Amino acid sequence: MMDKLNRELAKFKEELFLVSGDVKNAYYERALTKIHELIVNYPNRAEPYFELGKLAYNFWRNEDAEENYIKALNADPGYFPTYTQYALILSKEGRFDEAISVLENAKTVRNRDDSDLYFYFGMVYQHQGNLDEAIKNFTLSVQFAINESQIELGMKFANACKEVRGWD
């Protein structure tokens, strides 16, 4: 039984990898076809809905993106990337309380990335114009960073907020 599960998971991950490659290479129709096949074959997995949400977001179809992020959260509330991307949409639409609520819910996810979580809290507060909270959260993202790119991004955004505020 375990071998069958491992093979099925490996096939699922391979298909997701192919979708990512298609998106990266601008083969959107092929990517959409594969995503829809994944949804049919794996209706209880968040990743296909998440990928569909990302595609919709990249084409400025925020309503479709939000719908798919909600489906992803319903399919698997433990899939962390959905929370941050969903919060980003809410924040850009000025729905700050909802964005913060989504990120607060992400704190309960077992396999979360705290650096990313605080970075997106910072993004919400920055969009809201609450630069003190944004700086605080970008700084926390740096403290929880596990790689150089997270450190650089958190510092870049914290410093940009400080510049806007007129700080050193």
N, C-alpha and C. Protein backbone atom coordinates (compact mmCIF):
# COMPACT_ATOMS: atom_id res chain seq x y z
N MET A 1 0.83 -1.19 0.00
CA MET A 1 0.00 0.00 0.00
C MET A 1 0.87 1.26 0.00
N MET A 2 1.93 1.26 0.82
CA MET A 2 2.80 2.43 0.92
C MET A 2 3.47 2.72 -0.42
N ASP A 3 3.88 1.66 -1.15
CA ASP A 3 4.50 1.87 -2.46
C ASP A 3 3.54 2.56 -3.42
N LYS A 4 2.27 2.14 -3.38
CA LYS A 4 1.27 2.74 -4.26
C LYS A 4 1.10 4.23 -3.91
N LEU A 5 1.04 4.54 -2.62
CA LEU A 5 0.90 5.93 -2.19
C LEU A 5 2.11 6.76 -2.61
N ASN A 6 3.29 6.21 -2.46
CA ASN A 6 4.50 6.92 -2.85
C ASN A 6 4.55 7.17 -4.35
N ARG A 7 4.14 6.17 -5.13
CA ARG A 7 4.12 6.34 -6.59
C ARG A 7 3.09 7.40 -6.98
N GLU A 8 1.93 7.37 -6.34
CA GLU A 8 0.89 8.35 -6.65
C GLU A 8 1.34 9.76 -6.28
N LEU A 9 1.97 9.92 -5.13
CA LEU A 9 2.46 11.23 -4.73
C LEU A 9 3.56 11.71 -5.68
N ALA A 10 4.45 10.80 -6.06
CA ALA A 10 5.52 11.17 -6.99
C ALA A 10 4.95 11.61 -8.34
N LYS A 11 3.93 10.91 -8.81
CA LYS A 11 3.30 11.28 -10.08
C LYS A 11 2.62 12.65 -9.95
N PHE A 12 1.95 12.88 -8.84
CA PHE A 12 1.29 14.16 -8.60
C PHE A 12 2.32 15.29 -8.59
N LYS A 13 3.42 15.11 -7.86
CA LYS A 13 4.46 16.14 -7.78
C LYS A 13 5.10 16.38 -9.14
N GLU A 14 5.29 15.32 -9.91
CA GLU A 14 5.86 15.46 -11.25
C GLU A 14 4.92 16.29 -12.14
N GLU A 15 3.64 16.02 -12.06
CA GLU A 15 2.66 16.79 -12.85
C GLU A 15 2.67 18.26 -12.45
N LEU A 16 2.76 18.54 -11.14
CA LEU A 16 2.85 19.93 -10.68
C LEU A 16 4.11 20.61 -11.21
N PHE A 17 5.20 19.87 -11.21
CA PHE A 17 6.46 20.40 -11.74
C PHE A 17 6.31 20.75 -13.22
N LEU A 18 5.63 19.90 -13.97
CA LEU A 18 5.41 20.17 -15.40
C LEU A 18 4.53 21.40 -15.59
N VAL A 19 3.53 21.56 -14.73
CA VAL A 19 2.68 22.75 -14.79
C VAL A 19 3.54 24.00 -14.57
N SER A 20 4.41 23.96 -13.58
CA SER A 20 5.28 25.11 -13.30
C SER A 20 6.15 25.45 -14.50
N GLY A 21 6.67 24.43 -15.15
CA GLY A 21 7.49 24.64 -16.34
C GLY A 21 6.69 25.26 -17.47
N ASP A 22 5.46 24.78 -17.65
CA ASP A 22 4.61 25.34 -18.70
C ASP A 22 4.30 26.81 -18.42
N VAL A 23 4.01 27.13 -17.17
CA VAL A 23 3.72 28.52 -16.81
C VAL A 23 4.95 29.39 -17.05
N LYS A 24 6.08 28.90 -16.59
CA LYS A 24 7.34 29.65 -16.74
C LYS A 24 7.65 29.93 -18.21
N ASN A 25 7.31 28.97 -19.07
CA ASN A 25 7.58 29.11 -20.50
C ASN A 25 6.41 29.69 -21.29
N ALA A 26 5.40 30.20 -20.56
CA ALA A 26 4.23 30.86 -21.15
C ALA A 26 3.37 29.92 -21.99
N TYR A 27 3.36 28.64 -21.66
CA TYR A 27 2.44 27.68 -22.29
C TYR A 27 1.20 27.57 -21.40
N TYR A 28 0.45 28.65 -21.35
CA TYR A 28 -0.65 28.76 -20.39
C TYR A 28 -1.79 27.79 -20.67
N GLU A 29 -2.15 27.61 -21.93
CA GLU A 29 -3.24 26.68 -22.23
C GLU A 29 -2.89 25.27 -21.79
N ARG A 30 -1.67 24.86 -22.07
CA ARG A 30 -1.24 23.51 -21.67
C ARG A 30 -1.22 23.40 -20.15
N ALA A 31 -0.76 24.46 -19.49
CA ALA A 31 -0.74 24.45 -18.02
C ALA A 31 -2.15 24.34 -17.46
N LEU A 32 -3.07 25.11 -18.04
CA LEU A 32 -4.46 25.05 -17.57
C LEU A 32 -5.07 23.67 -17.77
N THR A 33 -4.79 23.07 -18.89
CA THR A 33 -5.29 21.71 -19.15
C THR A 33 -4.77 20.75 -18.09
N LYS A 34 -3.48 20.82 -17.80
CA LYS A 34 -2.88 19.93 -16.79
C LYS A 34 -3.45 20.21 -15.40
N ILE A 35 -3.64 21.48 -15.08
CA ILE A 35 -4.20 21.82 -13.77
C ILE A 35 -5.60 21.25 -13.63
N HIS A 36 -6.42 21.39 -14.65
CA HIS A 36 -7.78 20.86 -14.59
C HIS A 36 -7.77 19.33 -14.48
N GLU A 37 -6.83 18.68 -15.14
CA GLU A 37 -6.69 17.23 -15.00
C GLU A 37 -6.31 16.87 -13.56
N LEU A 38 -5.40 17.65 -12.97
CA LEU A 38 -5.00 17.40 -11.58
C LEU A 38 -6.18 17.57 -10.63
N ILE A 39 -7.01 18.58 -10.89
CA ILE A 39 -8.18 18.80 -10.03
C ILE A 39 -9.14 17.61 -10.12
N VAL A 40 -9.32 17.09 -11.31
CA VAL A 40 -10.19 15.92 -11.48
C VAL A 40 -9.59 14.70 -10.78
N ASN A 41 -8.29 14.49 -10.96
CA ASN A 41 -7.62 13.30 -10.41
C ASN A 41 -7.31 13.41 -8.92
N TYR A 42 -7.13 14.63 -8.42
CA TYR A 42 -6.76 14.85 -7.02
C TYR A 42 -7.61 15.98 -6.43
N PRO A 43 -8.92 15.77 -6.32
CA PRO A 43 -9.81 16.86 -5.88
C PRO A 43 -9.56 17.33 -4.44
N ASN A 44 -8.88 16.52 -3.66
CA ASN A 44 -8.63 16.87 -2.26
C ASN A 44 -7.25 17.46 -2.04
N ARG A 45 -6.57 17.83 -3.10
CA ARG A 45 -5.24 18.45 -2.98
C ARG A 45 -5.37 19.95 -3.23
N ALA A 46 -4.70 20.73 -2.44
CA ALA A 46 -4.76 22.19 -2.55
C ALA A 46 -3.94 22.73 -3.72
N GLU A 47 -2.85 22.06 -4.04
CA GLU A 47 -1.90 22.60 -5.00
C GLU A 47 -2.49 22.96 -6.36
N PRO A 48 -3.34 22.12 -6.96
CA PRO A 48 -3.89 22.51 -8.28
C PRO A 48 -4.74 23.78 -8.20
N TYR A 49 -5.55 23.89 -7.16
CA TYR A 49 -6.35 25.11 -7.00
C TYR A 49 -5.44 26.32 -6.77
N PHE A 50 -4.39 26.11 -5.99
CA PHE A 50 -3.41 27.17 -5.74
C PHE A 50 -2.78 27.64 -7.05
N GLU A 51 -2.37 26.70 -7.87
CA GLU A 51 -1.74 27.04 -9.16
C GLU A 51 -2.74 27.77 -10.07
N LEU A 52 -3.99 27.34 -10.05
CA LEU A 52 -5.02 28.02 -10.82
C LEU A 52 -5.22 29.44 -10.30
N GLY A 53 -5.18 29.60 -8.99
CA GLY A 53 -5.29 30.92 -8.39
C GLY A 53 -4.13 31.83 -8.79
N LYS A 54 -2.92 31.28 -8.78
CA LYS A 54 -1.75 32.07 -9.19
C LYS A 54 -1.87 32.53 -10.64
N LEU A 55 -2.30 31.62 -11.50
CA LEU A 55 -2.46 32.00 -12.91
C LEU A 55 -3.49 33.11 -13.06
N ALA A 56 -4.61 32.96 -12.38
CA ALA A 56 -5.65 33.99 -12.46
C ALA A 56 -5.12 35.32 -11.95
N TYR A 57 -4.39 35.29 -10.86
CA TYR A 57 -3.82 36.51 -10.29
C TYR A 57 -2.86 37.18 -11.27
N ASN A 58 -2.04 36.38 -11.92
CA ASN A 58 -1.06 36.92 -12.88
C ASN A 58 -1.73 37.56 -14.08
N PHE A 59 -2.98 37.18 -14.36
CA PHE A 59 -3.73 37.78 -15.46
C PHE A 59 -4.76 38.79 -14.95
N TRP A 60 -4.55 39.28 -13.73
CA TRP A 60 -5.36 40.33 -13.13
C TRP A 60 -6.82 39.91 -12.95
N ARG A 61 -7.04 38.63 -12.76
CA ARG A 61 -8.40 38.13 -12.51
C ARG A 61 -8.49 37.76 -11.02
N ASN A 62 -8.49 38.80 -10.19
CA ASN A 62 -8.42 38.60 -8.74
C ASN A 62 -9.62 37.84 -8.19
N GLU A 63 -10.78 38.05 -8.77
CA GLU A 63 -11.96 37.33 -8.29
C GLU A 63 -11.81 35.83 -8.51
N ASP A 64 -11.33 35.44 -9.68
CA ASP A 64 -11.07 34.01 -9.96
C ASP A 64 -9.96 33.48 -9.07
N ALA A 65 -8.94 34.28 -8.86
CA ALA A 65 -7.83 33.86 -8.00
C ALA A 65 -8.34 33.62 -6.59
N GLU A 66 -9.12 34.56 -6.07
CA GLU A 66 -9.66 34.41 -4.72
C GLU A 66 -10.51 33.15 -4.60
N GLU A 67 -11.35 32.92 -5.59
CA GLU A 67 -12.20 31.73 -5.59
C GLU A 67 -11.36 30.45 -5.51
N ASN A 68 -10.28 30.41 -6.27
CA ASN A 68 -9.43 29.22 -6.27
C ASN A 68 -8.61 29.09 -4.99
N TYR A 69 -8.20 30.21 -4.41
CA TYR A 69 -7.49 30.13 -3.13
C TYR A 69 -8.42 29.61 -2.04
N ILE A 70 -9.68 30.01 -2.08
CA ILE A 70 -10.65 29.50 -1.10
C ILE A 70 -10.84 27.99 -1.30
N LYS A 71 -10.91 27.57 -2.56
CA LYS A 71 -11.02 26.12 -2.83
C LYS A 71 -9.78 25.39 -2.32
N ALA A 72 -8.61 25.99 -2.50
CA ALA A 72 -7.38 25.36 -2.02
C ALA A 72 -7.40 25.23 -0.49
N LEU A 73 -7.84 26.28 0.18
CA LEU A 73 -7.91 26.22 1.65
C LEU A 73 -8.93 25.19 2.11
N ASN A 74 -10.04 25.06 1.39
CA ASN A 74 -11.03 24.05 1.74
C ASN A 74 -10.50 22.64 1.49
N ALA A 75 -9.73 22.47 0.41
CA ALA A 75 -9.18 21.16 0.09
C ALA A 75 -8.12 20.74 1.11
N ASP A 76 -7.28 21.70 1.51
CA ASP A 76 -6.20 21.39 2.47
C ASP A 76 -5.82 22.65 3.24
N PRO A 77 -6.43 22.84 4.41
CA PRO A 77 -6.11 24.02 5.22
C PRO A 77 -4.66 24.05 5.71
N GLY A 78 -3.94 22.98 5.50
CA GLY A 78 -2.55 22.93 5.92
C GLY A 78 -1.55 23.32 4.85
N TYR A 79 -2.04 23.73 3.67
CA TYR A 79 -1.14 24.12 2.58
C TYR A 79 -0.83 25.60 2.72
N PHE A 80 0.29 25.90 3.33
CA PHE A 80 0.66 27.24 3.74
C PHE A 80 0.71 28.30 2.63
N PRO A 81 1.28 28.02 1.45
CA PRO A 81 1.41 29.09 0.45
C PRO A 81 0.09 29.76 0.08
N THR A 82 -1.01 29.04 0.21
CA THR A 82 -2.31 29.61 -0.13
C THR A 82 -2.62 30.83 0.73
N TYR A 83 -2.29 30.77 1.99
CA TYR A 83 -2.61 31.86 2.91
C TYR A 83 -1.94 33.16 2.50
N THR A 84 -0.67 33.08 2.17
CA THR A 84 0.06 34.32 1.86
C THR A 84 -0.42 34.93 0.55
N GLN A 85 -0.66 34.09 -0.43
CA GLN A 85 -1.11 34.63 -1.72
C GLN A 85 -2.53 35.18 -1.63
N TYR A 86 -3.37 34.51 -0.87
CA TYR A 86 -4.73 35.00 -0.68
C TYR A 86 -4.71 36.33 0.07
N ALA A 87 -3.88 36.42 1.10
CA ALA A 87 -3.76 37.68 1.86
C ALA A 87 -3.27 38.81 0.97
N LEU A 88 -2.39 38.50 0.04
CA LEU A 88 -1.87 39.52 -0.88
C LEU A 88 -3.00 40.11 -1.73
N ILE A 89 -3.85 39.27 -2.26
CA ILE A 89 -4.99 39.75 -3.04
C ILE A 89 -5.89 40.63 -2.18
N LEU A 90 -6.23 40.14 -0.99
CA LEU A 90 -7.10 40.90 -0.10
C LEU A 90 -6.50 42.26 0.23
N SER A 91 -5.21 42.27 0.48
CA SER A 91 -4.51 43.50 0.82
C SER A 91 -4.54 44.49 -0.35
N LYS A 92 -4.26 44.01 -1.54
CA LYS A 92 -4.25 44.89 -2.71
C LYS A 92 -5.64 45.45 -3.01
N GLU A 93 -6.67 44.75 -2.56
CA GLU A 93 -8.03 45.24 -2.74
C GLU A 93 -8.50 46.11 -1.58
N GLY A 94 -7.60 46.35 -0.63
CA GLY A 94 -7.94 47.18 0.52
C GLY A 94 -8.75 46.46 1.58
N ARG A 95 -8.80 45.16 1.52
CA ARG A 95 -9.55 44.35 2.49
C ARG A 95 -8.58 43.89 3.59
N PHE A 96 -8.08 44.87 4.32
CA PHE A 96 -6.97 44.63 5.26
C PHE A 96 -7.35 43.74 6.43
N ASP A 97 -8.53 43.93 7.00
CA ASP A 97 -8.94 43.09 8.13
C ASP A 97 -9.04 41.63 7.71
N GLU A 98 -9.57 41.39 6.51
CA GLU A 98 -9.65 40.02 6.00
C GLU A 98 -8.26 39.44 5.75
N ALA A 99 -7.37 40.25 5.21
CA ALA A 99 -6.00 39.78 4.94
C ALA A 99 -5.31 39.41 6.24
N ILE A 100 -5.46 40.25 7.25
CA ILE A 100 -4.83 39.96 8.55
C ILE A 100 -5.43 38.69 9.15
N SER A 101 -6.74 38.52 9.02
CA SER A 101 -7.40 37.32 9.52
C SER A 101 -6.86 36.06 8.84
N VAL A 102 -6.69 36.13 7.53
CA VAL A 102 -6.14 34.99 6.77
C VAL A 102 -4.74 34.66 7.29
N LEU A 103 -3.92 35.69 7.50
CA LEU A 103 -2.55 35.45 7.98
C LEU A 103 -2.54 34.96 9.42
N GLU A 104 -3.47 35.44 10.23
CA GLU A 104 -3.58 34.92 11.61
C GLU A 104 -3.92 33.43 11.57
N ASN A 105 -4.81 33.04 10.66
CA ASN A 105 -5.13 31.62 10.51
C ASN A 105 -3.91 30.82 10.06
N ALA A 106 -3.06 31.43 9.27
CA ALA A 106 -1.85 30.74 8.80
C ALA A 106 -0.91 30.40 9.95
N LYS A 107 -1.00 31.13 11.04
CA LYS A 107 -0.14 30.85 12.20
C LYS A 107 -0.41 29.46 12.78
N THR A 108 -1.58 28.90 12.49
CA THR A 108 -1.93 27.58 13.02
C THR A 108 -1.42 26.44 12.14
N VAL A 109 -0.94 26.77 10.95
CA VAL A 109 -0.47 25.74 10.02
C VAL A 109 0.84 25.17 10.52
N ARG A 110 0.90 23.88 10.55
CA ARG A 110 2.07 23.19 11.10
C ARG A 110 3.34 23.45 10.28
N ASN A 111 3.24 23.36 8.98
CA ASN A 111 4.42 23.50 8.11
C ASN A 111 4.47 24.88 7.48
N ARG A 112 4.40 25.90 8.31
CA ARG A 112 4.43 27.27 7.79
C ARG A 112 5.88 27.76 7.74
N ASP A 113 6.08 28.80 6.98
CA ASP A 113 7.36 29.47 6.91
C ASP A 113 7.18 30.81 7.62
N ASP A 114 7.68 30.91 8.85
CA ASP A 114 7.45 32.11 9.66
C ASP A 114 8.03 33.36 9.00
N SER A 115 9.14 33.23 8.31
CA SER A 115 9.71 34.39 7.63
C SER A 115 8.72 34.92 6.58
N ASP A 116 8.19 34.02 5.77
CA ASP A 116 7.20 34.43 4.77
C ASP A 116 5.94 34.98 5.44
N LEU A 117 5.51 34.36 6.51
CA LEU A 117 4.31 34.81 7.21
C LEU A 117 4.46 36.26 7.67
N TYR A 118 5.57 36.56 8.33
CA TYR A 118 5.77 37.93 8.80
C TYR A 118 6.02 38.90 7.65
N PHE A 119 6.64 38.42 6.58
CA PHE A 119 6.83 39.27 5.41
C PHE A 119 5.47 39.71 4.86
N TYR A 120 4.55 38.78 4.75
CA TYR A 120 3.23 39.13 4.21
C TYR A 120 2.41 39.97 5.19
N PHE A 121 2.58 39.76 6.48
CA PHE A 121 1.98 40.69 7.44
C PHE A 121 2.52 42.09 7.16
N GLY A 122 3.83 42.19 6.95
CA GLY A 122 4.44 43.48 6.63
C GLY A 122 3.85 44.09 5.37
N MET A 123 3.62 43.26 4.35
CA MET A 123 3.02 43.75 3.10
C MET A 123 1.63 44.33 3.35
N VAL A 124 0.84 43.62 4.14
CA VAL A 124 -0.52 44.09 4.43
C VAL A 124 -0.45 45.45 5.13
N TYR A 125 0.38 45.53 6.16
CA TYR A 125 0.48 46.80 6.90
C TYR A 125 1.05 47.92 6.03
N GLN A 126 1.97 47.57 5.14
CA GLN A 126 2.52 48.58 4.23
C GLN A 126 1.42 49.11 3.30
N HIS A 127 0.64 48.21 2.72
CA HIS A 127 -0.46 48.64 1.85
C HIS A 127 -1.48 49.47 2.62
N GLN A 128 -1.64 49.16 3.88
CA GLN A 128 -2.59 49.87 4.73
C GLN A 128 -2.07 51.25 5.12
N GLY A 129 -0.75 51.44 5.00
CA GLY A 129 -0.15 52.70 5.40
C GLY A 129 0.33 52.72 6.83
N ASN A 130 0.27 51.57 7.48
CA ASN A 130 0.74 51.44 8.86
C ASN A 130 2.21 51.01 8.83
N LEU A 131 3.08 52.00 8.60
CA LEU A 131 4.49 51.70 8.37
C LEU A 131 5.20 51.17 9.61
N ASP A 132 4.79 51.60 10.80
CA ASP A 132 5.43 51.07 12.02
C ASP A 132 5.23 49.56 12.13
N GLU A 133 3.98 49.11 11.91
CA GLU A 133 3.70 47.67 11.96
C GLU A 133 4.37 46.95 10.80
N ALA A 134 4.42 47.58 9.64
CA ALA A 134 5.09 46.97 8.49
C ALA A 134 6.56 46.73 8.81
N ILE A 135 7.23 47.75 9.33
CA ILE A 135 8.65 47.63 9.67
C ILE A 135 8.86 46.54 10.71
N LYS A 136 8.01 46.52 11.72
CA LYS A 136 8.10 45.50 12.77
C LYS A 136 8.01 44.09 12.16
N ASN A 137 7.07 43.89 11.26
CA ASN A 137 6.88 42.57 10.67
C ASN A 137 7.96 42.22 9.66
N PHE A 138 8.42 43.19 8.87
CA PHE A 138 9.54 42.91 7.96
C PHE A 138 10.78 42.53 8.77
N THR A 139 10.98 43.19 9.91
CA THR A 139 12.12 42.87 10.77
C THR A 139 11.97 41.46 11.34
N LEU A 140 10.77 41.09 11.74
CA LEU A 140 10.53 39.72 12.22
C LEU A 140 10.79 38.71 11.11
N SER A 141 10.44 39.07 9.87
CA SER A 141 10.68 38.15 8.76
C SER A 141 12.18 37.88 8.60
N VAL A 142 12.98 38.90 8.84
CA VAL A 142 14.43 38.73 8.77
C VAL A 142 14.91 37.83 9.91
N GLN A 143 14.36 38.02 11.09
CA GLN A 143 14.76 37.21 12.25
C GLN A 143 14.44 35.73 12.07
N PHE A 144 13.37 35.43 11.34
CA PHE A 144 12.97 34.04 11.12
C PHE A 144 13.47 33.48 9.80
N ALA A 145 14.23 34.27 9.06
CA ALA A 145 14.70 33.86 7.73
C ALA A 145 15.57 32.61 7.80
N ILE A 146 15.42 31.78 6.79
CA ILE A 146 16.23 30.56 6.71
C ILE A 146 17.17 30.58 5.50
N ASN A 147 17.11 31.67 4.74
CA ASN A 147 18.05 31.79 3.62
C ASN A 147 18.33 33.26 3.33
N GLU A 148 19.34 33.48 2.56
CA GLU A 148 19.82 34.83 2.25
C GLU A 148 18.77 35.67 1.53
N SER A 149 18.03 35.06 0.62
CA SER A 149 17.06 35.85 -0.15
C SER A 149 15.93 36.37 0.75
N GLN A 150 15.53 35.58 1.76
CA GLN A 150 14.52 36.06 2.70
C GLN A 150 15.06 37.23 3.52
N ILE A 151 16.31 37.13 3.92
CA ILE A 151 16.93 38.22 4.69
C ILE A 151 16.97 39.49 3.85
N GLU A 152 17.46 39.36 2.62
CA GLU A 152 17.58 40.53 1.74
C GLU A 152 16.22 41.17 1.47
N LEU A 153 15.21 40.36 1.20
CA LEU A 153 13.89 40.89 0.88
C LEU A 153 13.28 41.60 2.10
N GLY A 154 13.36 40.97 3.26
CA GLY A 154 12.82 41.59 4.47
C GLY A 154 13.51 42.90 4.79
N MET A 155 14.83 42.93 4.66
CA MET A 155 15.58 44.16 4.93
C MET A 155 15.25 45.24 3.90
N LYS A 156 15.14 44.85 2.66
CA LYS A 156 14.82 45.80 1.59
C LYS A 156 13.48 46.49 1.87
N PHE A 157 12.48 45.71 2.22
CA PHE A 157 11.16 46.29 2.47
C PHE A 157 11.13 47.09 3.76
N ALA A 158 11.80 46.62 4.80
CA ALA A 158 11.87 47.38 6.06
C ALA A 158 12.55 48.73 5.82
N ASN A 159 13.65 48.70 5.09
CA ASN A 159 14.37 49.95 4.79
C ASN A 159 13.55 50.90 3.93
N ALA A 160 12.80 50.35 2.97
CA ALA A 160 11.95 51.19 2.13
C ALA A 160 10.88 51.89 2.98
N CYS A 161 10.32 51.16 3.93
CA CYS A 161 9.32 51.77 4.82
C CYS A 161 9.96 52.84 5.70
N LYS A 162 11.17 52.57 6.15
CA LYS A 162 11.88 53.56 6.98
C LYS A 162 12.17 54.82 6.17
N GLU A 163 12.53 54.67 4.91
CA GLU A 163 12.78 55.82 4.06
C GLU A 163 11.52 56.66 3.89
N VAL A 164 10.41 56.00 3.68
CA VAL A 164 9.14 56.71 3.53
C VAL A 164 8.83 57.48 4.82
N ARG A 165 9.17 56.87 5.93
CA ARG A 165 8.91 57.50 7.23
C ARG A 165 9.95 58.56 7.56
N GLY A 166 11.06 58.55 6.83
CA GLY A 166 12.11 59.53 7.10
C GLY A 166 13.08 59.09 8.19
N TRP A 167 13.14 57.76 8.41
CA TRP A 167 14.06 57.23 9.42
C TRP A 167 15.40 56.91 8.80
N ASP A 168 16.36 56.66 9.66
CA ASP A 168 17.71 56.25 9.20
C ASP A 168 17.70 54.87 8.62
